[in-house]
N, C-alpha and C. Protein backbone atom coordinates (compact mmCIF):
# COMPACT_ATOMS: atom_id res chain seq x y z
N MET A 1 -27.88 -4.56 -46.35
CA MET A 1 -27.68 -4.11 -44.96
C MET A 1 -28.93 -4.70 -44.14
N PRO A 2 -28.49 -4.82 -42.94
CA PRO A 2 -29.31 -5.64 -41.86
C PRO A 2 -30.35 -4.69 -41.49
N SER A 3 -31.62 -5.28 -40.93
CA SER A 3 -32.86 -4.63 -40.51
C SER A 3 -32.35 -3.99 -39.13
N LEU A 4 -33.00 -2.87 -39.02
CA LEU A 4 -32.80 -2.14 -37.62
C LEU A 4 -33.90 -2.41 -36.67
N ALA A 5 -34.86 -3.47 -37.11
CA ALA A 5 -35.97 -4.05 -36.37
C ALA A 5 -35.61 -4.15 -34.93
N PHE A 6 -34.42 -4.65 -34.46
CA PHE A 6 -34.03 -4.94 -33.07
C PHE A 6 -33.55 -3.67 -32.34
N TYR A 7 -33.48 -2.55 -33.05
CA TYR A 7 -33.21 -1.34 -32.41
C TYR A 7 -34.48 -0.48 -32.31
N ASN A 8 -35.29 -0.99 -31.43
CA ASN A 8 -36.48 -0.27 -31.37
C ASN A 8 -36.59 1.21 -30.90
N ARG A 9 -35.60 1.71 -30.20
CA ARG A 9 -35.51 3.26 -30.00
C ARG A 9 -35.08 4.00 -31.09
N ILE A 10 -34.73 3.40 -32.37
CA ILE A 10 -34.06 4.24 -33.27
C ILE A 10 -35.28 4.80 -34.20
N GLN A 11 -35.47 6.17 -34.27
CA GLN A 11 -36.70 6.71 -34.95
C GLN A 11 -36.25 7.62 -36.01
N VAL A 12 -34.70 8.12 -35.95
CA VAL A 12 -34.31 8.91 -36.84
C VAL A 12 -33.08 8.38 -37.48
N ALA A 13 -32.97 8.21 -38.80
CA ALA A 13 -31.55 7.81 -39.52
C ALA A 13 -31.21 8.63 -40.51
N HIS A 14 -30.24 9.46 -40.45
CA HIS A 14 -29.71 10.40 -41.44
C HIS A 14 -28.59 9.72 -41.92
N LEU A 15 -28.47 8.97 -42.95
CA LEU A 15 -27.46 8.34 -43.77
C LEU A 15 -27.00 8.71 -44.86
N GLN A 16 -27.29 10.13 -45.13
CA GLN A 16 -26.90 10.57 -46.46
C GLN A 16 -25.35 10.70 -46.72
N ASN A 17 -25.14 10.86 -48.05
CA ASN A 17 -23.71 11.02 -48.41
C ASN A 17 -22.78 9.99 -47.86
N ASN A 18 -23.23 8.80 -48.03
CA ASN A 18 -22.16 7.43 -47.81
C ASN A 18 -22.23 6.57 -48.93
N ASN A 19 -21.85 5.35 -48.86
CA ASN A 19 -21.50 4.46 -49.77
C ASN A 19 -22.39 3.20 -49.45
N PHE A 20 -23.72 3.31 -48.90
CA PHE A 20 -24.42 2.05 -48.63
C PHE A 20 -24.74 1.43 -50.02
N THR A 21 -25.07 0.03 -49.89
CA THR A 21 -25.41 -0.53 -51.18
C THR A 21 -27.03 -0.96 -51.26
N SER A 22 -27.62 -0.69 -49.87
CA SER A 22 -29.01 -1.11 -49.92
C SER A 22 -29.68 -0.14 -49.05
N ILE A 23 -30.93 -0.04 -48.95
CA ILE A 23 -31.72 0.79 -48.19
C ILE A 23 -32.03 0.23 -46.66
N LEU A 24 -31.75 1.07 -45.77
CA LEU A 24 -31.86 0.59 -44.47
C LEU A 24 -33.56 0.21 -44.08
N ALA A 25 -33.80 -0.73 -43.46
CA ALA A 25 -35.05 -1.08 -42.92
C ALA A 25 -35.26 -1.10 -41.40
N GLY A 26 -36.20 -0.30 -41.01
CA GLY A 26 -36.41 -0.17 -39.48
C GLY A 26 -37.76 0.14 -39.20
N GLN A 27 -38.41 -0.96 -38.45
CA GLN A 27 -39.81 -0.86 -38.33
C GLN A 27 -40.33 0.20 -37.72
N HIS A 28 -39.47 0.85 -36.73
CA HIS A 28 -39.86 2.01 -35.96
C HIS A 28 -39.34 3.27 -36.43
N LEU A 29 -38.72 3.48 -37.58
CA LEU A 29 -38.06 4.59 -38.04
C LEU A 29 -39.21 5.58 -38.55
N ASN A 30 -39.00 6.85 -38.11
CA ASN A 30 -40.03 7.84 -38.65
C ASN A 30 -39.33 8.87 -39.74
N ASP A 31 -37.99 8.84 -39.74
CA ASP A 31 -37.32 9.77 -40.62
C ASP A 31 -36.13 8.93 -41.18
N LEU A 32 -36.21 8.65 -42.36
CA LEU A 32 -34.97 7.89 -42.99
C LEU A 32 -34.56 8.58 -44.11
N ASN A 33 -33.35 9.14 -44.21
CA ASN A 33 -32.65 9.84 -45.31
C ASN A 33 -31.35 9.12 -45.49
N MET A 34 -31.53 8.57 -46.83
CA MET A 34 -30.43 7.83 -47.44
C MET A 34 -30.00 8.43 -48.63
N ALA A 35 -30.23 9.59 -49.03
CA ALA A 35 -29.94 10.56 -50.05
C ALA A 35 -28.35 10.58 -50.38
N TYR A 36 -28.06 10.75 -51.79
CA TYR A 36 -26.71 10.75 -51.95
C TYR A 36 -25.79 9.41 -51.61
N ASN A 37 -26.35 8.10 -51.88
CA ASN A 37 -25.87 7.04 -51.70
C ASN A 37 -25.74 6.29 -53.10
N PRO A 38 -24.69 6.84 -53.92
CA PRO A 38 -24.71 6.22 -55.49
C PRO A 38 -24.68 4.73 -55.60
N SER A 39 -24.12 4.07 -54.36
CA SER A 39 -24.00 2.66 -54.77
C SER A 39 -25.26 1.89 -54.41
N ILE A 40 -26.25 2.53 -53.91
CA ILE A 40 -27.48 1.89 -53.92
C ILE A 40 -28.13 1.75 -55.42
N SER A 41 -28.53 0.68 -55.63
CA SER A 41 -29.19 0.51 -57.13
C SER A 41 -30.34 -0.58 -56.95
N GLY A 42 -31.01 -0.51 -58.04
CA GLY A 42 -32.06 -1.50 -57.99
C GLY A 42 -33.40 -0.77 -57.86
N THR A 43 -34.49 -1.57 -57.62
CA THR A 43 -35.74 -0.92 -57.20
C THR A 43 -35.83 -0.65 -55.84
N ILE A 44 -37.02 0.44 -55.47
CA ILE A 44 -37.37 0.74 -54.22
C ILE A 44 -37.97 -0.61 -53.59
N PRO A 45 -37.40 -1.10 -52.35
CA PRO A 45 -37.77 -2.28 -51.93
C PRO A 45 -39.02 -2.26 -51.33
N ASP A 46 -39.78 -3.33 -51.21
CA ASP A 46 -41.21 -3.53 -50.67
C ASP A 46 -41.19 -3.42 -49.13
N VAL A 47 -40.05 -3.77 -48.53
CA VAL A 47 -39.89 -3.57 -47.26
C VAL A 47 -40.27 -2.30 -46.60
N ILE A 48 -40.19 -1.16 -47.46
CA ILE A 48 -40.52 0.28 -46.95
C ILE A 48 -41.96 0.12 -46.51
N ALA A 49 -42.72 -0.53 -47.01
CA ALA A 49 -44.28 -0.53 -46.78
C ALA A 49 -44.43 -0.97 -45.37
N ASP A 50 -43.53 -1.79 -44.75
CA ASP A 50 -43.74 -2.26 -43.49
C ASP A 50 -43.25 -1.26 -42.45
N MET A 51 -42.70 -0.07 -42.84
CA MET A 51 -42.17 1.02 -42.06
C MET A 51 -43.56 1.84 -41.58
N LEU A 52 -44.37 1.48 -40.97
CA LEU A 52 -45.72 2.01 -40.70
C LEU A 52 -45.58 3.54 -39.94
N SER A 53 -44.41 3.75 -39.44
CA SER A 53 -44.20 4.89 -38.66
C SER A 53 -43.52 6.04 -39.38
N LEU A 54 -43.20 5.59 -40.73
CA LEU A 54 -42.30 6.61 -41.52
C LEU A 54 -43.28 7.75 -41.91
N ASP A 55 -42.48 9.05 -41.85
CA ASP A 55 -43.21 10.16 -42.02
C ASP A 55 -42.20 11.01 -42.98
N SER A 56 -41.18 10.66 -43.08
CA SER A 56 -40.21 11.30 -44.02
C SER A 56 -39.24 10.40 -44.63
N LEU A 57 -39.27 10.42 -46.00
CA LEU A 57 -38.41 9.31 -46.73
C LEU A 57 -37.49 10.20 -47.75
N SER A 58 -36.35 10.16 -47.61
CA SER A 58 -35.36 10.81 -48.74
C SER A 58 -34.48 9.76 -49.28
N LEU A 59 -34.85 9.51 -50.64
CA LEU A 59 -34.02 8.60 -51.28
C LEU A 59 -33.32 9.23 -52.58
N ASN A 60 -33.24 10.46 -52.62
CA ASN A 60 -32.99 11.17 -53.83
C ASN A 60 -31.42 10.79 -54.00
N HIS A 61 -31.01 10.84 -55.40
CA HIS A 61 -29.60 10.52 -55.65
C HIS A 61 -29.09 9.21 -55.43
N ALA A 62 -29.90 8.31 -55.27
CA ALA A 62 -29.74 6.82 -54.69
C ALA A 62 -29.55 5.77 -55.92
N ASN A 63 -29.48 6.26 -57.14
CA ASN A 63 -29.39 5.44 -58.31
C ASN A 63 -30.43 4.16 -58.41
N LEU A 64 -31.73 4.69 -58.01
CA LEU A 64 -32.80 3.58 -57.92
C LEU A 64 -33.26 3.71 -59.44
N SER A 65 -33.99 2.55 -59.62
CA SER A 65 -34.70 2.38 -61.02
C SER A 65 -35.96 1.60 -60.77
N GLY A 66 -36.65 1.57 -61.95
CA GLY A 66 -37.90 0.68 -61.86
C GLY A 66 -39.00 1.70 -61.59
N THR A 67 -40.07 1.25 -61.19
CA THR A 67 -41.42 2.20 -60.94
C THR A 67 -41.45 2.55 -59.33
N ILE A 68 -42.42 3.37 -59.22
CA ILE A 68 -42.80 3.73 -57.81
C ILE A 68 -43.56 2.65 -57.34
N PRO A 69 -43.46 1.81 -56.25
CA PRO A 69 -44.14 0.66 -55.87
C PRO A 69 -45.47 1.13 -55.26
N PRO A 70 -46.49 0.32 -55.49
CA PRO A 70 -47.68 0.69 -54.97
C PRO A 70 -47.73 0.81 -53.35
N ALA A 71 -46.75 -0.29 -52.80
CA ALA A 71 -46.80 -0.25 -51.39
C ALA A 71 -46.34 0.90 -50.72
N LEU A 72 -45.45 1.80 -51.42
CA LEU A 72 -45.20 2.85 -50.85
C LEU A 72 -46.13 3.94 -50.50
N LEU A 73 -47.25 3.95 -51.45
CA LEU A 73 -48.42 4.85 -51.16
C LEU A 73 -49.30 4.47 -50.03
N GLY A 74 -49.21 3.22 -49.42
CA GLY A 74 -49.96 2.74 -48.24
C GLY A 74 -49.40 3.18 -46.91
N LEU A 75 -48.38 4.14 -46.98
CA LEU A 75 -47.76 4.77 -45.61
C LEU A 75 -48.64 5.86 -45.21
N ALA A 76 -49.68 5.62 -44.40
CA ALA A 76 -50.62 6.46 -44.03
C ALA A 76 -50.02 7.88 -43.16
N SER A 77 -48.86 7.66 -42.66
CA SER A 77 -48.32 8.84 -42.01
C SER A 77 -47.26 9.52 -42.84
N LEU A 78 -46.96 9.17 -44.10
CA LEU A 78 -46.08 9.85 -44.81
C LEU A 78 -46.21 11.16 -45.17
N LYS A 79 -45.33 12.31 -44.65
CA LYS A 79 -45.57 13.70 -45.00
C LYS A 79 -44.64 14.11 -46.13
N THR A 80 -43.31 13.57 -46.15
CA THR A 80 -42.41 14.16 -47.12
C THR A 80 -41.82 12.92 -47.83
N LEU A 81 -41.87 13.07 -49.10
CA LEU A 81 -41.19 12.04 -49.96
C LEU A 81 -40.48 12.63 -51.09
N SER A 82 -39.17 12.27 -51.15
CA SER A 82 -38.12 12.75 -52.07
C SER A 82 -37.67 11.48 -52.54
N LEU A 83 -37.84 11.49 -54.06
CA LEU A 83 -37.21 10.45 -54.90
C LEU A 83 -36.65 10.95 -56.16
N ALA A 84 -36.10 12.19 -55.89
CA ALA A 84 -35.55 12.98 -57.04
C ALA A 84 -34.15 12.33 -57.51
N ASN A 85 -33.85 12.74 -58.81
CA ASN A 85 -32.43 12.29 -59.36
C ASN A 85 -32.23 10.87 -59.27
N ASN A 86 -33.10 10.11 -59.75
CA ASN A 86 -32.88 8.73 -59.79
C ASN A 86 -33.03 8.34 -61.35
N ARG A 87 -33.46 6.97 -61.55
CA ARG A 87 -33.75 6.58 -62.77
C ARG A 87 -35.17 5.77 -62.77
N LEU A 88 -36.01 6.31 -62.05
CA LEU A 88 -37.32 5.86 -61.99
C LEU A 88 -38.21 5.93 -63.18
N THR A 89 -38.97 4.94 -63.65
CA THR A 89 -39.53 5.09 -64.96
C THR A 89 -41.19 4.89 -64.63
N GLY A 90 -41.77 4.72 -65.84
CA GLY A 90 -43.19 4.60 -65.86
C GLY A 90 -44.26 5.65 -65.42
N PRO A 91 -45.42 5.44 -65.04
CA PRO A 91 -46.26 6.43 -64.55
C PRO A 91 -46.32 6.93 -63.25
N ILE A 92 -46.32 8.19 -63.05
CA ILE A 92 -46.75 8.53 -61.54
C ILE A 92 -47.99 8.09 -61.17
N PRO A 93 -48.07 7.09 -60.10
CA PRO A 93 -49.25 6.35 -59.72
C PRO A 93 -50.21 7.51 -59.36
N PRO A 94 -51.44 7.76 -60.04
CA PRO A 94 -52.51 8.55 -59.69
C PRO A 94 -52.95 8.43 -58.14
N THR A 95 -52.76 7.13 -57.63
CA THR A 95 -53.13 7.11 -56.18
C THR A 95 -52.23 7.83 -55.20
N ILE A 96 -51.21 8.30 -55.71
CA ILE A 96 -50.15 9.09 -54.69
C ILE A 96 -51.18 10.52 -54.43
N ALA A 97 -51.90 10.74 -55.07
CA ALA A 97 -52.76 11.96 -54.52
C ALA A 97 -53.66 11.79 -53.52
N LYS A 98 -54.03 10.45 -53.19
CA LYS A 98 -54.78 10.10 -52.18
C LYS A 98 -54.08 9.89 -50.84
N VAL A 99 -52.81 10.04 -50.81
CA VAL A 99 -52.07 9.94 -49.44
C VAL A 99 -52.26 11.39 -48.88
N VAL A 100 -53.17 11.41 -48.00
CA VAL A 100 -53.77 12.68 -47.60
C VAL A 100 -52.62 13.45 -46.60
N SER A 101 -51.78 12.60 -45.87
CA SER A 101 -50.66 13.25 -45.06
C SER A 101 -49.60 13.73 -45.88
N LEU A 102 -49.50 13.40 -47.09
CA LEU A 102 -48.39 14.00 -47.83
C LEU A 102 -48.29 15.46 -48.01
N ALA A 103 -47.36 16.24 -47.57
CA ALA A 103 -47.28 17.60 -47.91
C ALA A 103 -46.13 18.12 -48.85
N ALA A 104 -44.92 17.28 -49.03
CA ALA A 104 -43.82 17.61 -50.06
C ALA A 104 -43.63 16.38 -50.76
N LEU A 105 -43.58 16.56 -52.01
CA LEU A 105 -43.13 15.48 -52.93
C LEU A 105 -42.20 15.86 -53.94
N ASP A 106 -41.24 15.20 -54.26
CA ASP A 106 -40.14 15.70 -55.20
C ASP A 106 -39.90 14.47 -56.00
N LEU A 107 -40.24 14.39 -57.17
CA LEU A 107 -40.02 13.29 -58.11
C LEU A 107 -39.28 13.83 -59.31
N SER A 108 -38.43 14.99 -59.02
CA SER A 108 -37.84 15.60 -60.32
C SER A 108 -36.76 14.92 -60.72
N ASN A 109 -36.30 14.94 -61.95
CA ASN A 109 -35.00 14.46 -62.57
C ASN A 109 -35.13 12.82 -62.54
N ASN A 110 -36.23 12.27 -63.10
CA ASN A 110 -36.48 10.77 -63.09
C ASN A 110 -36.92 10.63 -64.72
N PHE A 111 -37.64 9.48 -64.97
CA PHE A 111 -38.22 9.19 -66.37
C PHE A 111 -39.44 8.86 -66.18
N LEU A 112 -40.22 9.43 -65.30
CA LEU A 112 -41.39 9.47 -65.04
C LEU A 112 -42.55 10.31 -65.83
N VAL A 113 -43.68 9.54 -65.98
CA VAL A 113 -44.72 10.27 -67.00
C VAL A 113 -46.04 10.34 -66.06
N SER A 114 -46.77 11.35 -66.38
CA SER A 114 -47.90 11.61 -65.67
C SER A 114 -48.93 10.63 -66.50
N ALA A 115 -49.81 9.98 -65.61
CA ALA A 115 -50.93 9.12 -66.26
C ALA A 115 -51.90 9.94 -66.49
N GLN A 116 -52.26 11.05 -65.98
CA GLN A 116 -53.32 11.81 -66.18
C GLN A 116 -52.94 13.52 -66.16
N CYS A 117 -53.35 14.01 -67.18
CA CYS A 117 -52.95 15.45 -67.19
C CYS A 117 -53.48 16.19 -65.83
N SER A 118 -54.52 15.76 -65.28
CA SER A 118 -55.04 16.18 -64.10
C SER A 118 -54.16 15.91 -62.82
N SER A 119 -53.36 14.99 -62.78
CA SER A 119 -52.71 14.68 -61.64
C SER A 119 -52.03 15.84 -60.87
N ILE A 120 -51.47 16.74 -61.65
CA ILE A 120 -50.70 17.95 -61.01
C ILE A 120 -51.77 18.75 -60.34
N ALA A 121 -52.99 18.89 -61.16
CA ALA A 121 -54.09 19.87 -60.47
C ALA A 121 -54.40 19.15 -59.06
N ILE A 122 -54.70 17.87 -59.07
CA ILE A 122 -54.94 17.12 -57.88
C ILE A 122 -53.99 17.32 -56.56
N PHE A 123 -52.61 17.31 -57.04
CA PHE A 123 -51.70 17.60 -56.05
C PHE A 123 -51.84 18.90 -55.63
N GLN A 124 -51.99 20.08 -56.37
CA GLN A 124 -52.02 21.35 -56.07
C GLN A 124 -53.29 21.60 -55.18
N GLU A 125 -54.40 20.88 -55.58
CA GLU A 125 -55.71 20.94 -54.79
C GLU A 125 -55.54 20.60 -53.35
N LEU A 126 -54.79 19.45 -53.13
CA LEU A 126 -54.18 19.05 -51.82
C LEU A 126 -53.31 19.79 -50.94
N GLY A 127 -52.71 20.87 -51.71
CA GLY A 127 -51.69 21.75 -51.20
C GLY A 127 -50.25 21.25 -51.14
N LEU A 128 -50.00 20.26 -52.14
CA LEU A 128 -48.63 19.59 -52.14
C LEU A 128 -47.89 20.36 -52.82
N CYS A 129 -46.41 20.42 -52.40
CA CYS A 129 -45.39 21.07 -53.31
C CYS A 129 -44.85 20.04 -54.08
N VAL A 130 -45.04 20.07 -55.22
CA VAL A 130 -44.70 19.00 -56.29
C VAL A 130 -43.70 19.44 -57.25
N HIS A 131 -42.55 18.69 -57.48
CA HIS A 131 -41.60 18.94 -58.45
C HIS A 131 -41.63 17.66 -59.25
N SER A 132 -41.62 17.58 -60.42
CA SER A 132 -41.68 16.41 -61.42
C SER A 132 -41.09 16.64 -62.73
N THR A 133 -39.86 17.42 -62.69
CA THR A 133 -39.20 17.58 -63.90
C THR A 133 -38.73 16.35 -64.51
N PRO A 134 -38.89 16.05 -65.69
CA PRO A 134 -38.59 14.79 -66.28
C PRO A 134 -37.04 15.01 -66.62
N ARG A 135 -36.24 13.90 -66.65
CA ARG A 135 -34.91 13.82 -67.20
C ARG A 135 -34.93 13.88 -68.72
N SER A 136 -33.78 14.22 -69.13
CA SER A 136 -33.66 14.20 -70.67
C SER A 136 -32.60 13.25 -71.31
N ASP A 137 -31.87 12.74 -70.38
CA ASP A 137 -30.60 11.75 -70.84
C ASP A 137 -31.15 10.36 -71.03
């Protein structure tokens, strides 16, 4: 999918329930919802780290695999992150608790593991709404 960088005025893109094959990239987007796009596959692209205005990202039910990229955690304005119901693996990065703007986090129904038992306590201390139910299939 082409970049939306030349559409400087687009700030919100709700593209859920479609058949996109890749994740949209737009430097000025602050709300990107591409949930329920089962034709998206592969890993979360690093280009998301360039979306510095992003405050809400929903990629649930997008057939994503791999790990949560560290670059995603560098988004200082990110308030809502939903990566539920994918095939993500590996540890939940402990640095995710350092994203102070994060208010809602949904990692449920993936194959993630907590690197530290205390990570959920850290999330709760920050007042985050956390869902991290592991998949069993």
